[in-house]
Structure formats: structure tokens, C-alpha cells
Amino acid sequence: MTIDDRQNASEEDLAVEHAAERLAERYPQVPRERIDELVEKHHEEFDGAPVRDFVPVLIEHDVKQELNAEKRAD
């Protein structure tokens, strides 16, 4: 892993954390631990993806879909 790769990974991790914070604000009824669990699950789905630019946005989208589906199922 190069220095650029590590820097990009750090930037991605920060963007993913910001996405988790936005999700926690949008879904205050959902425990933060549950949001973090879903974010981690969806982040793992992108392991090995060669293009990483939109990973945080895609994670946020996928978690929103899952939380909305859970809400509809209740």
C-alpha cells in the first residue's frame, strides 16, 4: 500500500463516518450502534472495489434503503 493509498483510505473512512453521523441525525429512533453496524456491513461489501470515489455515498444510500425497509416492515 502506498502513501497515497493510505491517505485515500483515511479520507474514505472519514467520509464514511460523516455518512454515519448524517444517518444518525436522519434516523434518531435507530440506536447509533445499529447504524454503525449497518454502515460497517455495507462498507465491507465494497472491499476490493477498484473505484472508491463514491463508496461513502453508496453506503449511505444502501443503509437508508435498509432502514426504510425495516421501518415499513414494522
N, C-alpha and C. Protein backbone atom coordinates (compact mmCIF):
# COMPACT_ATOMS: atom_id res chain seq x y z
N MET A 1 0.85 -1.17 0.00
CA MET A 1 0.00 0.00 0.00
C MET A 1 0.90 1.23 0.00
N THR A 2 0.62 2.15 -0.88
CA THR A 2 1.43 3.37 -0.98
C THR A 2 0.90 4.43 -0.01
N ILE A 3 1.65 5.49 0.13
CA ILE A 3 1.22 6.60 0.98
C ILE A 3 -0.09 7.18 0.46
N ASP A 4 -0.21 7.30 -0.86
CA ASP A 4 -1.47 7.80 -1.45
C ASP A 4 -2.63 6.88 -1.13
N ASP A 5 -2.40 5.57 -1.19
CA ASP A 5 -3.46 4.61 -0.87
C ASP A 5 -3.92 4.78 0.58
N ARG A 6 -2.95 4.94 1.49
CA ARG A 6 -3.30 5.12 2.91
C ARG A 6 -4.06 6.43 3.11
N GLN A 7 -3.63 7.48 2.43
CA GLN A 7 -4.32 8.76 2.56
C GLN A 7 -5.74 8.65 2.02
N ASN A 8 -5.90 8.00 0.88
CA ASN A 8 -7.24 7.82 0.31
C ASN A 8 -8.11 7.00 1.23
N ALA A 9 -7.55 5.96 1.86
CA ALA A 9 -8.31 5.13 2.79
C ALA A 9 -8.75 5.97 3.99
N SER A 10 -7.86 6.82 4.50
CA SER A 10 -8.21 7.68 5.63
C SER A 10 -9.32 8.65 5.24
N GLU A 11 -9.23 9.22 4.06
CA GLU A 11 -10.27 10.13 3.59
C GLU A 11 -11.60 9.40 3.43
N GLU A 12 -11.54 8.18 2.92
CA GLU A 12 -12.76 7.39 2.76
C GLU A 12 -13.36 7.07 4.13
N ASP A 13 -12.52 6.67 5.08
CA ASP A 13 -13.01 6.36 6.42
C ASP A 13 -13.69 7.58 7.05
N LEU A 14 -13.10 8.74 6.87
CA LEU A 14 -13.68 9.97 7.40
C LEU A 14 -15.02 10.26 6.73
N ALA A 15 -15.10 10.10 5.43
CA ALA A 15 -16.35 10.32 4.71
C ALA A 15 -17.43 9.32 5.13
N VAL A 16 -17.03 8.09 5.39
CA VAL A 16 -17.98 7.07 5.86
C VAL A 16 -18.48 7.43 7.26
N GLU A 17 -17.60 7.92 8.11
CA GLU A 17 -18.01 8.35 9.45
C GLU A 17 -18.99 9.51 9.36
N HIS A 18 -18.74 10.44 8.47
CA HIS A 18 -19.68 11.56 8.28
C HIS A 18 -21.03 11.05 7.78
N ALA A 19 -21.02 10.06 6.92
CA ALA A 19 -22.27 9.46 6.45
C ALA A 19 -23.02 8.84 7.62
N ALA A 20 -22.31 8.15 8.50
CA ALA A 20 -22.95 7.53 9.67
C ALA A 20 -23.56 8.61 10.57
N GLU A 21 -22.87 9.72 10.72
CA GLU A 21 -23.41 10.83 11.53
C GLU A 21 -24.68 11.39 10.90
N ARG A 22 -24.69 11.55 9.59
CA ARG A 22 -25.89 12.05 8.91
C ARG A 22 -27.05 11.06 9.08
N LEU A 23 -26.74 9.78 8.98
CA LEU A 23 -27.78 8.76 9.16
C LEU A 23 -28.34 8.80 10.58
N ALA A 24 -27.47 8.98 11.57
CA ALA A 24 -27.92 9.05 12.96
C ALA A 24 -28.83 10.26 13.17
N GLU A 25 -28.53 11.37 12.51
CA GLU A 25 -29.39 12.56 12.60
C GLU A 25 -30.72 12.33 11.90
N ARG A 26 -30.68 11.65 10.77
CA ARG A 26 -31.89 11.42 9.99
C ARG A 26 -32.80 10.37 10.64
N TYR A 27 -32.22 9.41 11.34
CA TYR A 27 -32.97 8.33 11.97
C TYR A 27 -32.69 8.31 13.47
N PRO A 28 -33.17 9.33 14.21
CA PRO A 28 -32.87 9.40 15.65
C PRO A 28 -33.48 8.26 16.46
N GLN A 29 -34.50 7.61 15.91
CA GLN A 29 -35.13 6.50 16.60
C GLN A 29 -34.31 5.21 16.52
N VAL A 30 -33.32 5.18 15.65
CA VAL A 30 -32.47 4.00 15.47
C VAL A 30 -31.23 4.17 16.34
N PRO A 31 -30.93 3.19 17.18
CA PRO A 31 -29.72 3.30 18.01
C PRO A 31 -28.47 3.47 17.14
N ARG A 32 -27.56 4.30 17.61
CA ARG A 32 -26.33 4.57 16.85
C ARG A 32 -25.56 3.28 16.59
N GLU A 33 -25.60 2.36 17.54
CA GLU A 33 -24.90 1.09 17.35
C GLU A 33 -25.43 0.34 16.14
N ARG A 34 -26.74 0.40 15.93
CA ARG A 34 -27.36 -0.26 14.78
C ARG A 34 -26.91 0.41 13.48
N ILE A 35 -26.88 1.71 13.48
CA ILE A 35 -26.42 2.43 12.29
C ILE A 35 -24.98 2.08 11.98
N ASP A 36 -24.12 2.09 13.00
CA ASP A 36 -22.71 1.75 12.80
C ASP A 36 -22.56 0.33 12.27
N GLU A 37 -23.39 -0.58 12.78
CA GLU A 37 -23.36 -1.98 12.32
C GLU A 37 -23.71 -2.07 10.83
N LEU A 38 -24.75 -1.36 10.43
CA LEU A 38 -25.17 -1.38 9.02
C LEU A 38 -24.13 -0.71 8.13
N VAL A 39 -23.57 0.39 8.59
CA VAL A 39 -22.53 1.08 7.81
C VAL A 39 -21.35 0.15 7.60
N GLU A 40 -20.93 -0.52 8.66
CA GLU A 40 -19.80 -1.45 8.54
C GLU A 40 -20.12 -2.60 7.58
N LYS A 41 -21.33 -3.14 7.70
CA LYS A 41 -21.74 -4.24 6.82
C LYS A 41 -21.68 -3.81 5.35
N HIS A 42 -22.24 -2.66 5.06
CA HIS A 42 -22.27 -2.20 3.68
C HIS A 42 -20.89 -1.75 3.20
N HIS A 43 -20.07 -1.26 4.11
CA HIS A 43 -18.70 -0.88 3.74
C HIS A 43 -17.92 -2.12 3.32
N GLU A 44 -18.10 -3.21 4.03
CA GLU A 44 -17.41 -4.46 3.70
C GLU A 44 -17.79 -4.96 2.31
N GLU A 45 -19.01 -4.66 1.88
CA GLU A 45 -19.45 -5.10 0.55
C GLU A 45 -18.63 -4.47 -0.57
N PHE A 46 -17.97 -3.36 -0.27
CA PHE A 46 -17.17 -2.67 -1.29
C PHE A 46 -15.68 -3.01 -1.19
N ASP A 47 -15.32 -3.93 -0.29
CA ASP A 47 -13.92 -4.35 -0.20
C ASP A 47 -13.46 -4.85 -1.57
N GLY A 48 -12.32 -4.40 -1.99
CA GLY A 48 -11.76 -4.84 -3.26
C GLY A 48 -12.26 -4.08 -4.47
N ALA A 49 -13.21 -3.17 -4.26
CA ALA A 49 -13.71 -2.38 -5.39
C ALA A 49 -12.60 -1.46 -5.88
N PRO A 50 -12.31 -1.48 -7.18
CA PRO A 50 -11.19 -0.68 -7.68
C PRO A 50 -11.45 0.83 -7.65
N VAL A 51 -12.69 1.24 -7.81
CA VAL A 51 -13.03 2.66 -7.80
C VAL A 51 -13.71 2.95 -6.46
N ARG A 52 -13.13 3.84 -5.68
CA ARG A 52 -13.57 4.08 -4.31
C ARG A 52 -14.26 5.43 -4.13
N ASP A 53 -14.29 6.26 -5.17
CA ASP A 53 -14.75 7.64 -5.03
C ASP A 53 -16.15 7.77 -4.44
N PHE A 54 -17.04 6.90 -4.80
CA PHE A 54 -18.43 7.04 -4.38
C PHE A 54 -18.84 6.06 -3.29
N VAL A 55 -17.90 5.34 -2.73
CA VAL A 55 -18.22 4.34 -1.71
C VAL A 55 -19.00 4.94 -0.54
N PRO A 56 -18.58 6.05 0.05
CA PRO A 56 -19.36 6.59 1.18
C PRO A 56 -20.80 6.94 0.81
N VAL A 57 -21.00 7.51 -0.37
CA VAL A 57 -22.35 7.86 -0.82
C VAL A 57 -23.18 6.60 -1.03
N LEU A 58 -22.58 5.59 -1.62
CA LEU A 58 -23.30 4.33 -1.86
C LEU A 58 -23.64 3.64 -0.55
N ILE A 59 -22.74 3.68 0.41
CA ILE A 59 -23.02 3.10 1.73
C ILE A 59 -24.21 3.81 2.36
N GLU A 60 -24.19 5.13 2.35
CA GLU A 60 -25.28 5.90 2.94
C GLU A 60 -26.61 5.56 2.26
N HIS A 61 -26.60 5.46 0.97
CA HIS A 61 -27.81 5.11 0.21
C HIS A 61 -28.31 3.72 0.61
N ASP A 62 -27.41 2.75 0.66
CA ASP A 62 -27.80 1.38 0.99
C ASP A 62 -28.34 1.28 2.40
N VAL A 63 -27.73 1.98 3.35
CA VAL A 63 -28.20 1.94 4.73
C VAL A 63 -29.58 2.59 4.82
N LYS A 64 -29.79 3.70 4.14
CA LYS A 64 -31.11 4.34 4.13
C LYS A 64 -32.17 3.37 3.62
N GLN A 65 -31.85 2.69 2.52
CA GLN A 65 -32.81 1.73 1.97
C GLN A 65 -33.13 0.64 2.98
N GLU A 66 -32.10 0.13 3.64
CA GLU A 66 -32.33 -0.94 4.61
C GLU A 66 -33.15 -0.45 5.80
N LEU A 67 -32.83 0.73 6.31
CA LEU A 67 -33.59 1.27 7.45
C LEU A 67 -35.03 1.56 7.06
N ASN A 68 -35.25 2.10 5.87
CA ASN A 68 -36.62 2.36 5.41
C ASN A 68 -37.40 1.06 5.23
N ALA A 69 -36.75 0.03 4.74
CA ALA A 69 -37.41 -1.27 4.58
C ALA A 69 -37.78 -1.84 5.95
N GLU A 70 -36.89 -1.70 6.92
CA GLU A 70 -37.18 -2.18 8.28
C GLU A 70 -38.36 -1.40 8.86
N LYS A 71 -38.40 -0.10 8.61
CA LYS A 71 -39.48 0.74 9.12
C LYS A 71 -40.82 0.32 8.52
N ARG A 72 -40.82 0.03 7.22
CA ARG A 72 -42.06 -0.41 6.56
C ARG A 72 -42.51 -1.78 7.07
N ALA A 73 -41.57 -2.61 7.45
CA ALA A 73 -41.90 -3.96 7.91
C ALA A 73 -42.52 -3.95 9.31
N ASP A 74 -42.27 -2.87 10.05
CA ASP A 74 -42.81 -2.79 11.43
C ASP A 74 -44.26 -2.55 11.46
